Protein backbone atom coordinates (compact mmCIF):
# COMPACT_ATOMS: atom_id res chain seq x y z
CA MET A 1 127.24 68.63 84.16
CA ARG A 2 125.49 70.40 87.44
CA THR A 3 123.70 73.02 84.53
CA ILE A 4 122.54 69.50 83.07
CA CYS A 5 121.15 68.53 86.11
CA LEU A 6 119.33 71.68 86.92
CA LEU A 7 117.53 71.56 83.37
CA SER A 8 116.31 67.90 84.14
CA ALA A 9 114.98 68.96 87.17
CA VAL A 10 113.22 72.22 85.99
CA THR A 11 111.47 69.78 82.83
CA ALA A 12 110.51 67.28 85.87
CA ALA A 13 108.98 69.85 87.83
CA ALA A 14 107.12 71.52 84.82
CA SER A 15 106.01 68.50 84.00
CA ALA A 16 104.80 67.50 87.20
CA PHE A 17 102.83 70.84 87.53
CA THR A 18 100.84 70.25 84.28
CA PRO A 19 97.31 69.43 85.13
CA LEU A 20 95.99 65.88 83.67
CA SER A 21 93.17 66.71 80.53
CA GLY A 22 92.17 70.46 82.30
CA SER A 23 90.76 68.24 85.25
CA ARG A 24 90.70 69.63 88.97
CA THR A 25 92.53 66.21 90.49
CA SER A 26 96.04 68.21 90.38
CA LEU A 27 94.52 70.48 93.13
CA ASN A 28 95.02 69.74 96.95
CA PRO A 29 91.18 68.49 98.00
CA SER A 30 91.15 71.47 100.83
CA LEU A 31 91.02 73.40 98.35
CA ARG A 32 87.58 72.56 97.43
CA ARG A 33 84.51 73.46 99.23
CA SER A 34 81.15 71.70 98.55
CA GLY A 35 78.32 74.13 97.73
CA THR A 36 80.33 77.27 97.11
CA VAL A 37 82.60 75.75 94.08
CA SER A 38 81.65 77.34 90.37
CA LEU A 39 82.47 74.28 88.80
CA THR A 40 82.08 75.00 85.03
CA LEU A 41 83.54 78.24 85.52
CA TYR A 42 86.63 77.22 87.22
CA ASP A 43 86.86 74.08 84.43
CA GLU A 44 86.92 76.64 81.71
CA TYR A 45 89.43 78.50 83.11
CA MET A 46 91.43 75.42 83.98
CA LYS A 47 90.94 74.47 79.99
CA SER A 48 91.69 77.32 78.33
CA ARG A 49 95.08 77.30 80.70
CA ALA A 50 95.82 73.79 79.53
CA ALA A 51 95.34 75.02 75.97
CA GLY A 52 98.21 77.89 76.34
CA GLY A 53 100.77 75.13 77.91
CA ILE A 54 100.30 76.72 81.58
CA GLY A 55 100.44 74.51 84.17
CA VAL A 56 99.20 74.15 87.90
CA ALA A 57 101.84 73.91 90.62
CA PRO A 58 100.94 72.46 93.54
CA PRO A 59 99.93 74.25 96.61
CA PRO A 60 102.21 74.76 99.86
CA PRO A 61 101.22 73.54 103.44
CA ASP A 62 97.55 74.77 104.37
CA PRO A 63 97.76 76.95 107.39
CA ASP A 64 94.60 75.74 108.88
CA ASP A 65 95.97 71.89 108.57
CA PRO A 66 99.52 71.63 111.09
CA GLU A 67 99.83 68.06 109.74
CA SER A 68 100.15 69.43 106.18
CA PHE A 69 103.84 70.92 107.15
CA ASP A 70 105.15 67.39 108.39
CA GLN A 71 104.57 65.89 104.66
CA PRO A 72 107.51 64.66 103.48
CA PRO A 73 108.74 66.90 100.15
CA ALA A 74 108.67 65.60 96.61
CA PRO A 75 111.69 63.62 95.73
CA ALA A 76 114.71 66.16 94.02
CA ALA A 77 118.26 65.97 92.65
CA SER A 78 119.54 67.51 95.49
CA ALA A 79 119.16 70.37 97.83
CA ASP A 80 121.00 72.66 95.84
CA ASP A 81 118.89 71.79 92.94
CA LYS A 82 115.95 72.58 94.59
CA MET A 83 117.02 75.73 95.98
CA ALA A 84 117.91 76.69 92.40
CA LEU A 85 114.52 75.62 91.21
CA LEU A 86 112.92 77.84 93.51
CA LYS A 87 114.88 80.77 92.39
CA PHE A 88 114.22 80.04 88.93
CA TYR A 89 110.30 80.14 89.32
CA GLU A 90 110.78 83.23 91.41
CA GLN A 91 112.65 85.15 88.81
CA VAL A 92 110.21 84.01 86.29
CA ALA A 93 107.02 85.49 88.50
CA ALA A 94 109.14 88.48 89.55
CA GLU A 95 109.54 89.03 85.54
CA LYS A 96 105.84 88.46 84.52
CA SER A 97 104.73 90.90 87.48
CA ARG A 98 106.76 93.28 85.95
CA ALA A 99 105.72 93.13 82.34
CA SER A 100 102.17 92.85 83.29
CA SER A 101 102.80 96.51 85.35
CA ILE A 102 103.73 97.92 81.58
CA PRO A 103 100.88 99.80 80.52
CA ALA A 104 99.66 99.73 77.12
CA ALA A 105 100.32 102.22 74.81
CA THR A 106 98.78 105.69 75.41
CA ASP A 107 97.88 108.70 73.53
CA THR A 108 101.25 110.27 74.76
CA ASP A 109 103.21 107.70 73.18
CA PRO A 110 105.14 109.14 70.13
CA ASP A 111 104.35 106.00 68.36
CA TYR A 112 100.76 106.20 69.00
CA LYS A 113 98.65 105.16 66.31
CA ARG A 114 95.85 108.17 66.03
CA VAL A 115 92.54 107.91 64.08
CA ALA A 116 91.54 110.82 62.10
CA TRP A 117 88.42 112.37 63.13
CA TRP A 118 86.14 111.25 59.61
CA ALA A 119 87.24 107.49 60.81
CA GLN A 120 86.35 107.42 64.15
CA GLY A 121 83.18 105.93 65.53
CA SER A 122 80.67 106.77 67.97
CA GLN A 123 81.80 104.90 70.64
CA TYR A 124 85.56 106.29 69.92
CA THR A 125 85.61 108.64 72.52
CA GLU A 126 84.49 105.96 75.37
CA ASP A 127 86.98 103.53 73.64
CA GLN A 128 89.91 106.16 73.80
CA ARG A 129 89.51 106.81 78.01
CA LYS A 130 91.76 103.98 78.05
CA ASP A 131 94.48 105.22 76.15
CA ARG A 132 94.71 108.13 78.39
CA ARG A 133 96.05 106.38 81.48
CA THR A 134 99.38 107.41 81.31
CA VAL A 135 102.04 106.75 83.85
CA PHE A 136 105.11 109.08 83.58
CA MET A 137 108.72 108.44 83.89
CA HIS A 138 111.86 110.38 83.13
CA ASP A 139 111.09 110.19 79.42
CA ASP A 140 107.87 111.17 79.46
CA TRP A 141 108.48 114.34 81.46
CA VAL A 142 111.09 115.45 78.89
CA ARG A 143 108.96 115.00 76.12
CA HIS A 144 106.09 116.30 78.09
CA ARG A 145 107.78 119.81 78.36
CA SER A 146 109.43 120.02 75.13
CA SER A 147 109.71 122.82 73.01
CA GLU A 148 108.31 120.96 70.12
CA ARG A 149 104.98 120.46 72.08
CA PHE A 150 103.55 123.06 70.20
CA LEU A 151 103.39 121.99 66.65
CA ARG A 152 102.85 118.28 68.16
CA ASN A 153 99.54 119.54 70.06
CA MET A 154 98.67 121.34 66.75
CA LYS A 155 99.35 118.48 64.42
CA THR A 156 97.05 116.12 66.39
CA ILE A 157 93.63 118.31 66.19
CA GLY A 158 92.14 116.32 63.79
CA SER A 159 92.80 113.27 65.90
CA SER A 160 91.56 114.11 68.71
CA GLY A 161 88.99 112.21 71.09
CA ILE A 162 86.95 115.78 71.88
CA ASN A 163 85.99 116.34 68.03
CA GLN A 164 84.00 112.69 68.11
CA ALA A 165 82.20 113.60 71.24
CA LEU A 166 81.80 117.24 70.35
CA ILE A 167 80.36 116.30 66.22
CA LYS A 168 76.81 116.86 67.20
CA GLU A 169 77.25 120.02 68.89
CA LEU A 170 79.55 121.36 66.05
CA ALA A 171 77.55 120.01 63.55
CA PHE A 172 74.71 121.64 65.02
CA VAL A 173 75.86 125.46 65.91
CA THR A 174 77.69 125.60 63.06
CA SER A 175 74.67 124.81 60.75
CA VAL A 176 72.65 127.56 62.88
CA ALA A 177 75.19 130.17 61.72
CA THR A 178 75.04 128.90 57.91
CA PHE A 179 71.52 129.79 58.27
CA VAL A 180 71.88 133.09 59.53
CA VAL A 181 73.93 133.94 57.04
CA VAL A 182 72.06 132.33 54.05
CA PHE A 183 68.58 134.10 55.53
CA ASN A 184 70.31 137.19 55.34
CA MET A 185 71.61 137.11 51.56
CA LEU A 186 68.27 135.79 50.43
CA PHE A 187 66.22 138.00 52.19
CA VAL A 188 68.38 141.19 52.67
CA SER A 189 71.28 141.59 50.85
CA TYR A 190 74.13 139.92 49.53
CA GLN A 191 77.69 140.86 47.92
CA ASP A 192 78.30 139.49 44.16
CA PHE A 193 82.14 137.89 43.46
CA GLY A 194 83.25 142.18 42.72
CA GLY A 195 81.95 142.70 46.47
CA VAL A 196 78.69 145.02 44.68
CA SER A 197 75.91 145.02 47.56
CA HIS A 198 72.42 143.63 45.86
CA ILE A 199 69.19 143.25 47.02
CA GLY A 200 68.41 139.80 48.20
CA PRO A 201 66.22 137.40 45.69
CA LEU A 202 63.67 137.23 48.15
CA ASN A 203 63.32 140.57 49.43
CA MET A 204 60.80 140.86 47.14
CA PHE A 205 58.15 139.35 49.06
CA ASP A 206 58.72 141.90 52.11
CA SER A 207 61.09 145.08 51.42
CA THR A 208 60.71 146.14 55.20
CA LEU A 209 62.49 143.01 56.24
CA LYS A 210 65.39 143.78 58.41
CA SER A 211 68.62 141.41 58.98
CA LEU A 212 68.68 138.46 61.21
CA SER A 213 71.03 139.80 63.60
CA LEU A 214 71.08 140.45 67.73
CA PRO A 215 73.49 143.36 69.68
CA ALA A 216 76.60 142.15 71.11
CA LEU A 217 75.70 143.49 74.41
CA PRO A 218 74.08 140.94 75.85
CA PHE A 219 76.37 138.50 75.00
CA SER A 220 78.87 140.55 77.03
CA ILE A 221 76.71 140.59 79.68
CA ALA A 222 76.37 136.74 79.79
CA MET A 223 79.32 135.85 78.92
CA PRO A 224 80.78 136.21 82.67
CA ALA A 225 78.35 134.02 84.02
CA LEU A 226 79.25 131.21 81.39
CA SER A 227 82.84 131.59 82.21
CA LEU A 228 81.92 131.04 85.82
CA LEU A 229 80.23 127.99 85.04
CA LEU A 230 82.38 126.37 82.82
CA VAL A 231 85.12 127.01 85.02
CA PHE A 232 83.89 125.94 88.20
CA ARG A 233 82.67 122.42 85.99
CA THR A 234 86.02 122.33 84.86
CA ASN A 235 87.99 122.75 88.79
CA THR A 236 85.28 120.57 90.29
CA GLY A 237 86.18 117.65 88.20
CA TYR A 238 89.98 117.95 88.34
CA PHE A 239 89.15 118.30 92.23
CA ARG A 240 87.66 115.00 91.70
CA TRP A 241 90.65 113.39 89.48
CA ASN A 242 93.02 114.77 91.93
CA GLU A 243 91.64 113.23 95.04
CA ALA A 244 91.04 109.76 93.35
CA ARG A 245 94.74 109.84 92.49
CA THR A 246 95.58 110.95 96.26
CA LEU A 247 93.88 107.94 97.25
CA TRP A 248 95.11 105.25 95.22
CA GLY A 249 98.51 106.88 96.63
CA GLY A 250 97.34 106.05 100.11
CA LEU A 251 95.97 102.33 98.34
CA ILE A 252 99.49 101.53 97.68
CA ASN A 253 101.34 102.69 100.14
CA ASN A 254 98.86 100.80 102.45
CA CYS A 255 98.97 97.82 100.59
CA ARG A 256 102.92 97.90 100.82
CA ASN A 257 102.89 98.56 104.20
CA VAL A 258 100.63 95.62 104.94
CA VAL A 259 103.22 93.40 103.45
CA ARG A 260 106.40 95.31 105.47
CA GLN A 261 104.45 94.73 108.11
CA THR A 262 103.83 91.15 108.14
CA ASN A 263 107.33 90.23 107.18
CA THR A 264 108.84 92.44 110.11
CA PHE A 265 106.30 90.86 112.85
CA PHE A 266 105.40 87.62 111.84
CA PRO A 267 108.04 84.99 113.03
CA ASP A 268 110.18 82.75 110.47
CA ASP A 269 108.74 79.36 110.82
CA ALA A 270 106.86 77.23 107.87
CA LYS A 271 103.38 78.09 108.98
CA HIS A 272 104.28 81.89 109.04
CA GLU A 273 106.01 82.40 105.94
CA LEU A 274 102.90 80.78 104.15
CA LEU A 275 100.71 83.49 106.01
CA LYS A 276 103.02 86.06 105.15
CA ARG A 277 102.58 85.03 101.17
CA ARG A 278 99.00 84.48 101.89
CA MET A 279 98.49 88.23 103.26
CA ALA A 280 100.43 89.20 100.52
CA ALA A 281 98.12 87.42 97.89
CA GLU A 282 94.64 88.69 99.73
CA THR A 283 96.07 92.54 99.65
CA GLN A 284 96.60 91.89 95.65
CA ALA A 285 93.12 90.37 95.44
CA PHE A 286 91.80 93.17 97.29
CA ILE A 287 93.31 96.10 95.32
CA ARG A 288 92.24 93.81 92.35
CA SER A 289 89.03 93.63 93.40
CA LEU A 290 88.92 97.50 94.31
CA ARG A 291 90.14 98.00 90.13
CA ASN A 292 87.09 95.72 89.16
CA PHE A 293 84.25 97.27 91.15
CA LEU A 294 85.37 100.72 89.53
CA ARG A 295 85.78 99.44 85.90
CA GLY A 296 82.70 97.13 85.81
CA PRO A 297 81.32 94.06 84.91
CA SER A 298 83.51 93.92 81.81
CA ASP A 299 86.28 93.42 84.32
CA ASP A 300 84.66 91.08 85.60
CA PRO A 301 86.85 87.74 83.76
CA THR A 302 90.20 89.65 84.55
CA LEU A 303 89.48 89.42 88.06
CA ARG A 304 88.14 85.87 87.94
CA SER A 305 91.83 84.79 86.36
CA GLU A 306 93.88 86.69 88.72
CA LEU A 307 92.24 85.04 91.38
CA TYR A 308 92.19 81.42 90.14
CA GLU A 309 96.35 81.93 89.81
CA LEU A 310 96.53 82.36 92.92
CA VAL A 311 94.45 79.64 93.71
CA ASP A 312 96.94 77.58 91.57
CA LYS A 313 99.60 78.95 93.89
CA GLY A 314 97.98 77.41 96.68
CA LEU A 315 97.38 80.81 98.30
CA MET A 316 93.63 81.12 98.18
CA THR A 317 91.07 78.74 98.75
CA LEU A 318 89.43 77.70 95.62
CA GLY A 319 86.14 78.32 97.95
CA GLN A 320 87.35 81.86 98.61
CA ALA A 321 88.32 82.63 95.01
CA ASP A 322 84.23 81.71 94.04
CA ASP A 323 82.78 83.77 97.25
CA THR A 324 84.79 86.69 96.33
CA MET A 325 83.13 86.77 92.79
CA LYS A 326 79.80 86.05 94.39
CA ALA A 327 80.35 88.58 96.48
CA SER A 328 77.93 91.98 96.80
CA ASN A 329 81.21 94.00 97.86
CA ARG A 330 84.37 92.40 96.60
CA PRO A 331 86.44 94.67 98.16
CA MET A 332 85.36 94.34 101.60
CA PHE A 333 85.06 90.51 101.37
CA CYS A 334 89.04 90.87 100.69
CA LEU A 335 89.66 92.84 103.86
CA SER A 336 87.64 90.43 105.68
CA ALA A 337 89.90 87.72 104.35
CA MET A 338 92.50 90.08 105.56
CA SER A 339 91.83 90.22 108.86
CA ALA A 340 90.63 86.24 109.22
CA THR A 341 94.65 85.28 107.79
CA LEU A 342 95.74 88.02 110.45
CA ARG A 343 93.92 86.71 113.41
CA LYS A 344 95.80 83.21 112.40
CA ALA A 345 99.21 84.58 113.06
CA ASP A 346 100.42 83.94 116.24
CA ILE A 347 102.04 87.45 116.87
CA ASP A 348 102.11 90.25 119.56
CA PRO A 349 98.81 91.51 120.12
CA MET A 350 100.41 94.98 119.61
CA HIS A 351 102.06 94.15 116.09
CA SER A 352 98.31 92.64 115.36
CA ALA A 353 96.59 95.93 116.49
CA ARG A 354 99.46 97.77 114.08
CA ILE A 355 98.79 95.64 111.09
CA ASP A 356 94.76 95.95 111.92
CA SER A 357 94.94 99.88 111.64
CA THR A 358 96.76 99.35 108.48
CA ILE A 359 93.82 97.40 107.31
CA SER A 360 91.08 99.73 108.34
CA VAL A 361 92.78 102.74 107.18
CA LEU A 362 92.35 100.40 103.09
CA VAL A 363 88.57 100.37 104.57
CA ASP A 364 88.23 104.44 105.11
CA LEU A 365 90.50 104.53 101.20
CA THR A 366 87.61 101.92 99.74
CA GLY A 367 84.73 103.89 101.21
CA ALA A 368 86.71 107.23 99.55
CA ASN A 369 86.88 105.53 96.42
CA GLU A 370 83.27 104.60 96.59
CA ARG A 371 81.93 108.19 97.93
CA ILE A 372 83.49 109.67 94.30
CA PHE A 373 82.19 107.09 92.10
CA LYS A 374 78.67 106.94 93.51
CA SER A 375 78.64 110.40 93.75
CA PRO A 376 78.66 112.51 90.48
CA ILE A 377 78.20 116.72 90.48
CA PRO A 378 74.94 117.57 91.14
CA LEU A 379 73.03 117.20 87.89
CA VAL A 380 71.12 120.21 88.06
CA TYR A 381 74.47 122.07 87.57
CA THR A 382 75.60 119.87 84.95
CA ARG A 383 72.58 120.58 83.00
CA LEU A 384 72.09 124.23 83.43
CA THR A 385 75.95 124.59 82.06
CA SER A 386 75.02 122.25 79.33
CA ARG A 387 71.93 124.60 78.56
CA PHE A 388 73.45 128.07 79.13
CA LEU A 389 76.14 126.87 76.76
CA THR A 390 74.03 125.48 74.08
CA PHE A 391 71.58 128.42 73.83
CA PHE A 392 74.50 130.88 74.26
CA LEU A 393 76.29 129.24 71.25
CA ILE A 394 73.13 128.87 69.00
CA LEU A 395 72.27 133.11 69.49
CA LEU A 396 75.75 133.59 69.14
CA PRO A 397 76.00 133.69 65.14
CA LEU A 398 73.03 136.73 65.60
CA ALA A 399 75.90 138.91 67.34
CA LEU A 400 78.85 137.70 65.33
CA TRP A 401 77.15 138.35 61.67
CA ASN A 402 76.89 142.42 62.37
CA GLN A 403 80.39 142.59 63.70
CA LEU A 404 82.04 140.46 60.80
CA GLY A 405 80.48 142.65 58.55
CA GLU A 406 83.45 143.33 56.61
CA SER A 407 84.04 139.69 55.42
CA TRP A 408 82.37 139.01 51.97
CA ASN A 409 78.40 138.51 52.83
CA HIS A 410 79.50 138.10 56.31
CA TRP A 411 80.64 134.63 55.84
CA ALA A 412 83.32 134.74 58.47
CA THR A 413 80.62 134.10 61.23
CA ILE A 414 80.51 130.14 60.05
CA PRO A 415 84.09 129.56 61.23
CA ALA A 416 84.13 131.94 63.90
CA GLU A 417 81.44 130.34 65.24
CA PHE A 418 82.55 126.94 64.99
CA ILE A 419 85.85 127.50 66.21
CA ILE A 420 84.29 129.55 69.58
CA SER A 421 82.04 126.82 69.73
CA PHE A 422 84.69 124.10 69.66
CA PHE A 423 86.97 125.62 72.83
CA LEU A 424 83.67 126.52 74.68
CA PHE A 425 82.28 123.09 74.32
CA GLY A 426 85.55 121.52 74.70
CA ILE A 427 85.84 122.87 77.87
CA GLU A 428 82.43 121.74 79.31
CA GLU A 429 83.84 118.47 77.95
CA VAL A 430 87.10 118.04 79.37
CA GLY A 431 85.08 118.71 82.72
CA ILE A 432 82.91 115.58 81.77
CA SER A 433 85.79 113.51 80.57
CA ILE A 434 87.68 114.02 84.42
CA GLU A 435 84.16 113.81 86.40
CA GLU A 436 84.90 110.11 86.47
CA PRO A 437 88.69 109.67 86.79
CA PHE A 438 88.75 106.20 87.68
CA SER A 439 88.21 105.12 83.96
CA ILE A 440 91.52 107.08 82.80
CA LEU A 441 93.71 106.08 85.73
CA PRO A 442 96.26 103.72 85.08
CA LEU A 443 94.56 101.42 87.88
CA GLU A 444 95.86 98.48 86.41
CA ALA A 445 99.74 99.41 86.38
CA PHE A 446 99.18 100.73 90.23
CA CYS A 447 98.05 97.08 90.54
CA ASN A 448 100.50 95.05 88.78
CA GLY A 449 103.21 97.40 88.90
CA ALA A 450 103.40 99.44 92.18
CA ILE A 451 101.85 96.84 94.18
CA THR A 452 102.51 93.41 93.12
CA ALA A 453 105.80 93.53 91.86
CA THR A 454 106.82 95.37 94.74
CA HIS A 455 105.09 92.79 97.38
CA GLU A 456 107.12 90.27 95.09
CA GLU A 457 110.28 91.76 95.72
CA MET A 458 110.05 92.28 99.54
CA LEU A 459 108.87 88.77 99.47
CA VAL A 460 111.49 87.09 97.83
CA ALA A 461 114.09 89.59 99.72
CA GLU A 462 112.57 88.47 103.46
CA ARG A 463 112.65 84.74 102.10
CA ASN A 464 115.68 84.66 101.05
CA GLY A 465 117.51 86.56 104.03
CA VAL A 466 118.95 89.71 101.92
CA PHE A 467 118.68 91.76 105.38
CA GLU A 468 120.36 89.73 107.29
CA ASP A 469 123.66 89.69 105.18
CA GLY A 470 126.83 90.97 107.35
CA LEU A 471 124.99 90.23 110.92
């Protein structure tokens, strides 16, 4: 009988949370501010949610309006049923956060669907960057150091994204190697299938013409300088990637600290309970706004929907969500909102200073991310390395032609040029790929799993008095 009553209460609550015909009448009027609300965007968002059968929960009391805490609660079946209903929705929210924290399939997964190089389009390399946003757990490390990694790496050469990225360079230098071999066969000499040498069919025009070749010594002298350029390029790119990952580790820790500190220092009353939830929501808005800045305009619809979900929960006003989207620096706008929420709390100034210092660290980390994103490796270095490498590989077939003379008609020059070019161009491509690290770091998993899901667990545990048991 109790289970039936609980299910009835859940059904009634879900019905009460459903918006009317996609309108905004179910939202608290205090969530609207004239002159700042983007009616069209929000109405479209609400219609899409209504079409998916997702309701809008009524917001909790507004901390700026003390009278809202004195309003009588909506009628419920009983106090126990209300508590069970609250826990039910908390579990749903927690499961949703955990599900959203699971990254999509990456190129390290055993069942990852690979695309052969001939089926890869011109945008494949750029589109595949999202598949490299790996988050390793125990099983991933076991597979990573498995003795089968050699065969796995060899089998996936044909579907590597580097192939598509280098297709023009490899086609050009391989064509140069083919030209050198064919030119020398036509104008100098060639071997028939029996291995007998003959004068080239076009040698009659100039019998004094020598083979198209160069000595290997200049390439031996230039190779150390080219190696230093490539190593510096790759190491600098990796340093930028490692620094970006370290900065996001600091962001994760400090976002967790904000919620931990508010749970510790804010009093246990209705107003401050809401302020705790609002601070956590604004922290999530901050980290997602930073992700949005690093991902670019294509991430705007995702950020807008995430902010409107906070509006639906009553943790952010509609005007604040719209102003966040309009802000020229969205992460700093959200950090300012966190400071404003902190100012509303009635806590000891020492405690307020500690939380504010954590927010200040978030400001510093945001600036460090902006520095990496906006400042590439000096372009003069990148261009010099690319030109040096290109000219080196274009002229390399002239040196390989003499060195590989034991092969039939020096044809080994062509595959040798292709293989050497593949790996040298590949080293440069790796440096360029990781120079901008944010498009290959799993920022979504950091935001949804490492921060949002952790925040939910901390808030639920604090609200349920888990850490007070036994006292």
